Amino acid sequence: MLFFTEVKLNYRNIKLNTMNEQKPMSVGDWVITLLLTAIPLVGFILLIVWAFSSDTHPSKQNWAKAYLIFMVAGLIIAGLFFSTILGALIAFSNM
């Protein structure tokens, strides 16, 4: 019974230690992150680096992945919209 208690306590300590390894990102970190992503092309490259780098803070990594997903969805929607408009313009110009 003593061994089981020691294992249980060690498991709790390991779990608490791994949870406390990463500090939350500060407001200043997020402000700098958002400013950098606002720069054309540089922001896109940084998003890719942050999304797939193992050295990036987990919060920033998840945010970058989500932001990239929204960017791809926006590009698809914009492409569909403009292709529809272009198709309509071509169809009306042939009348």
Protein backbone atom coordinates (compact mmCIF):
# COMPACT_ATOMS: atom_id res chain seq x y z
CA MET A 1 0.00 0.00 0.00
CA LEU A 2 2.88 2.36 0.69
CA PHE A 3 4.28 1.83 -2.82
CA PHE A 4 0.92 2.70 -4.40
CA THR A 5 0.73 5.92 -2.37
CA GLU A 6 4.27 6.91 -3.43
CA VAL A 7 3.49 6.27 -7.09
CA LYS A 8 0.29 8.28 -6.82
CA LEU A 9 2.10 11.21 -5.19
CA ASN A 10 4.90 11.08 -7.77
CA TYR A 11 2.33 11.06 -10.57
CA ARG A 12 0.68 14.16 -9.11
CA ASN A 13 4.03 15.94 -8.77
CA ILE A 14 4.98 15.11 -12.36
CA LYS A 15 1.60 16.28 -13.60
CA LEU A 16 1.82 19.55 -11.66
CA ASN A 17 5.41 20.15 -12.79
CA THR A 18 4.56 19.69 -16.47
CA MET A 19 1.55 21.96 -16.18
CA ASN A 20 3.61 24.73 -14.58
CA GLU A 21 6.51 24.58 -17.04
CA GLN A 22 4.96 27.10 -19.44
CA LYS A 23 4.09 30.53 -18.12
CA PRO A 24 1.15 32.24 -19.77
CA MET A 25 2.06 34.79 -22.40
CA SER A 26 1.88 38.37 -21.18
CA VAL A 27 -0.17 41.13 -22.78
CA GLY A 28 3.03 42.67 -24.11
CA ASP A 29 3.96 39.38 -25.80
CA TRP A 30 0.56 39.27 -27.50
CA VAL A 31 0.81 42.92 -28.60
CA ILE A 32 4.19 42.25 -30.22
CA THR A 33 2.84 39.06 -31.79
CA LEU A 34 -0.13 40.89 -33.30
CA LEU A 35 2.05 43.77 -34.53
CA LEU A 36 4.43 41.36 -36.25
CA THR A 37 1.61 39.46 -37.94
CA ALA A 38 0.23 42.75 -39.30
CA ILE A 39 3.32 43.18 -41.50
CA PRO A 40 2.55 41.83 -44.98
CA LEU A 41 4.45 38.68 -45.98
CA VAL A 42 6.56 38.79 -42.78
CA GLY A 43 3.46 38.07 -40.73
CA PHE A 44 2.52 35.12 -42.93
CA ILE A 45 6.02 33.64 -42.68
CA LEU A 46 6.03 34.12 -38.89
CA LEU A 47 2.63 32.42 -38.63
CA ILE A 48 4.00 29.37 -40.42
CA VAL A 49 7.11 29.33 -38.22
CA TRP A 50 5.09 29.73 -35.01
CA ALA A 51 2.50 27.15 -36.03
CA PHE A 52 4.98 24.37 -36.76
CA SER A 53 7.97 25.13 -34.54
CA SER A 54 8.46 23.04 -31.42
CA ASP A 55 10.15 25.97 -29.61
CA THR A 56 7.06 28.18 -29.73
CA HIS A 57 4.86 28.70 -26.68
CA PRO A 58 1.84 26.32 -26.93
CA SER A 59 -0.67 29.17 -26.76
CA LYS A 60 1.02 31.04 -29.60
CA GLN A 61 1.39 27.81 -31.56
CA ASN A 62 -2.32 26.99 -31.32
CA TRP A 63 -3.26 30.58 -32.13
CA ALA A 64 -1.02 30.56 -35.21
CA LYS A 65 -2.55 27.31 -36.46
CA ALA A 66 -6.07 28.66 -35.96
CA TYR A 67 -5.15 31.93 -37.70
CA LEU A 68 -3.71 30.03 -40.67
CA ILE A 69 -6.91 27.97 -40.92
CA PHE A 70 -8.97 31.18 -40.99
CA MET A 71 -6.66 32.65 -43.64
CA VAL A 72 -7.07 29.58 -45.87
CA ALA A 73 -10.84 29.61 -45.37
CA GLY A 74 -10.93 33.31 -46.23
CA LEU A 75 -8.88 32.74 -49.38
CA ILE A 76 -11.23 29.95 -50.49
CA ILE A 77 -14.32 32.08 -49.86
CA ALA A 78 -12.77 35.07 -51.64
CA GLY A 79 -11.78 32.86 -54.59
CA LEU A 80 -15.32 31.50 -54.87
CA PHE A 81 -16.78 34.99 -54.65
CA PHE A 82 -14.52 36.51 -57.28
CA SER A 83 -14.87 33.55 -59.64
CA THR A 84 -18.67 33.87 -59.37
CA ILE A 85 -18.50 37.60 -60.10
CA LEU A 86 -16.11 37.01 -63.00
CA GLY A 87 -18.37 34.29 -64.40
CA ALA A 88 -21.39 36.57 -64.16
CA LEU A 89 -19.54 39.41 -65.90
CA ILE A 90 -18.44 37.11 -68.71
CA ALA A 91 -21.96 35.72 -69.09
CA PHE A 92 -23.53 39.22 -69.25
CA SER A 93 -20.89 40.49 -71.67
CA ASN A 94 -21.83 37.75 -74.17
CA MET A 95 -25.47 38.83 -74.33
